[in-house]
Amino acid sequence: MHILRYIRARNWPVVAGYGLFIGMMAIGYFYNVTFVQLGLKDLGERVLGLPQTEVARQMALLALLTGVVALTVGWLMQRHGWSLLLLRKLQLALGVIAAHLSLTVHIALRPLIRYPVIC
């Protein structure tokens, strides 16, 4: 691991970047499991009354779309050199946070939803 090299060299900005990245990934994973996977499953099955297979299909479609977006953004970051710019990475992280916030608001408003939206 390169982080030990940066700690020994007292390169604190790089160490803080590692910590920020690891923290963001841990929070993103927790958010994804807690709110997205469990919340959307509950929304589809309990609130909207969709069958389990339809909810699973929609979740698979969401996972596929997420994978395509992640690969596309990774390719764009590599092609344009964004992976070297901290400000650009933070701007992309802000976009992810905005998307998660919109999902959270959608899940929080689920008692008001009466009809399913089929993709």
Protein backbone atom coordinates (compact mmCIF):
# COMPACT_ATOMS: atom_id res chain seq x y z
CA MET A 1 0.00 0.00 0.00
CA HIS A 2 1.31 3.39 -0.97
CA ILE A 3 -0.35 5.19 1.91
CA LEU A 4 2.34 4.02 4.33
CA ARG A 5 4.96 5.64 2.10
CA TYR A 6 3.03 8.92 2.21
CA ILE A 7 2.63 8.74 5.99
CA ARG A 8 6.39 8.18 6.45
CA ALA A 9 7.09 11.11 4.10
CA ARG A 10 4.56 13.22 6.05
CA ASN A 11 2.68 14.04 2.87
CA TRP A 12 -0.52 14.91 4.71
CA PRO A 13 -2.56 16.18 1.74
CA VAL A 14 -2.22 12.80 0.02
CA VAL A 15 -2.99 10.95 3.28
CA ALA A 16 -6.07 13.16 3.75
CA GLY A 17 -7.11 12.35 0.16
CA TYR A 18 -6.86 8.64 0.92
CA GLY A 19 -8.97 9.16 4.05
CA LEU A 20 -11.53 11.21 2.16
CA PHE A 21 -11.80 8.60 -0.57
CA ILE A 22 -12.12 5.67 1.86
CA GLY A 23 -14.68 7.58 3.93
CA MET A 24 -16.74 8.46 0.87
CA MET A 25 -16.73 4.85 -0.32
CA ALA A 26 -17.76 3.54 3.11
CA ILE A 27 -20.58 6.07 3.43
CA GLY A 28 -21.68 5.37 -0.16
CA TYR A 29 -21.83 1.64 0.51
CA PHE A 30 -23.81 2.12 3.73
CA TYR A 31 -26.19 4.52 1.98
CA ASN A 32 -26.64 2.18 -0.96
CA VAL A 33 -27.53 -0.81 1.21
CA THR A 34 -29.68 1.06 3.72
CA PHE A 35 -31.64 3.51 1.65
CA VAL A 36 -31.52 2.43 -1.96
CA GLN A 37 -31.68 -1.35 -1.85
CA LEU A 38 -33.93 -1.75 1.18
CA GLY A 39 -35.96 1.43 0.55
CA LEU A 40 -36.70 0.76 -3.11
CA LYS A 41 -37.54 -2.88 -2.36
CA ASP A 42 -39.98 -1.77 0.33
CA LEU A 43 -41.40 0.93 -1.94
CA GLY A 44 -42.03 -1.52 -4.76
CA GLU A 45 -43.39 -4.44 -2.77
CA ARG A 46 -45.22 -2.96 0.18
CA VAL A 47 -46.30 0.51 -0.95
CA LEU A 48 -46.93 -0.08 -4.65
CA GLY A 49 -47.86 -3.76 -4.33
CA LEU A 50 -45.62 -4.90 -7.19
CA PRO A 51 -44.65 -8.57 -7.37
CA GLN A 52 -41.18 -9.53 -6.20
CA THR A 53 -40.09 -10.42 -9.72
CA GLU A 54 -40.99 -6.96 -11.05
CA VAL A 55 -39.13 -5.25 -8.20
CA ALA A 56 -36.11 -7.48 -8.87
CA ARG A 57 -36.25 -6.61 -12.57
CA GLN A 58 -36.37 -2.89 -11.85
CA MET A 59 -33.50 -3.19 -9.34
CA ALA A 60 -31.43 -5.11 -11.92
CA LEU A 61 -32.13 -2.40 -14.46
CA LEU A 62 -31.02 0.24 -11.95
CA ALA A 63 -27.83 -1.75 -11.22
CA LEU A 64 -27.09 -2.07 -14.94
CA LEU A 65 -27.62 1.65 -15.47
CA THR A 66 -25.37 2.42 -12.50
CA GLY A 67 -22.62 0.22 -13.93
CA VAL A 68 -22.84 1.91 -17.34
CA VAL A 69 -22.68 5.37 -15.75
CA ALA A 70 -19.69 4.36 -13.57
CA LEU A 71 -17.78 2.95 -16.55
CA THR A 72 -18.57 6.01 -18.68
CA VAL A 73 -17.48 8.47 -15.99
CA GLY A 74 -14.31 6.43 -15.34
CA TRP A 75 -13.50 6.45 -19.06
CA LEU A 76 -14.12 10.21 -19.28
CA MET A 77 -11.96 10.82 -16.21
CA GLN A 78 -9.13 8.83 -17.77
CA ARG A 79 -9.49 10.43 -21.19
CA HIS A 80 -9.66 14.04 -19.99
CA GLY A 81 -7.21 13.70 -17.10
CA TRP A 82 -9.83 14.47 -14.48
CA SER A 83 -8.44 11.77 -12.19
CA LEU A 84 -5.47 14.07 -11.53
CA LEU A 85 -7.62 17.04 -10.48
CA LEU A 86 -8.97 16.99 -6.93
CA LEU A 87 -11.50 19.74 -7.65
CA ARG A 88 -12.96 17.75 -10.56
CA LYS A 89 -13.25 14.63 -8.39
CA LEU A 90 -15.03 16.64 -5.71
CA GLN A 91 -17.41 18.04 -8.34
CA LEU A 92 -18.20 14.51 -9.50
CA ALA A 93 -18.72 13.45 -5.88
CA LEU A 94 -21.15 16.35 -5.47
CA GLY A 95 -23.09 15.04 -8.47
CA VAL A 96 -23.29 11.60 -6.86
CA ILE A 97 -24.47 13.16 -3.60
CA ALA A 98 -27.16 15.10 -5.48
CA ALA A 99 -28.36 11.90 -7.16
CA HIS A 100 -28.44 10.07 -3.82
CA LEU A 101 -30.29 12.98 -2.24
CA SER A 102 -32.94 12.84 -4.95
CA LEU A 103 -33.37 9.09 -4.36
CA THR A 104 -33.64 9.66 -0.62
CA VAL A 105 -36.30 12.33 -1.08
CA HIS A 106 -38.14 10.01 -3.46
CA ILE A 107 -38.06 7.20 -0.88
CA ALA A 108 -39.06 9.58 1.92
CA LEU A 109 -42.09 10.67 -0.11
CA ARG A 110 -43.15 7.08 -0.80
CA PRO A 111 -46.33 7.27 1.29
CA LEU A 112 -47.60 9.84 -1.22
CA ILE A 113 -46.90 7.57 -4.22
CA ARG A 114 -49.93 5.62 -5.34
CA TYR A 115 -49.02 4.23 -8.77
CA PRO A 116 -45.87 2.53 -10.08
CA VAL A 117 -43.71 4.18 -12.73
CA ILE A 118 -42.56 1.45 -15.07
CA CYS A 119 -39.33 2.03 -17.01
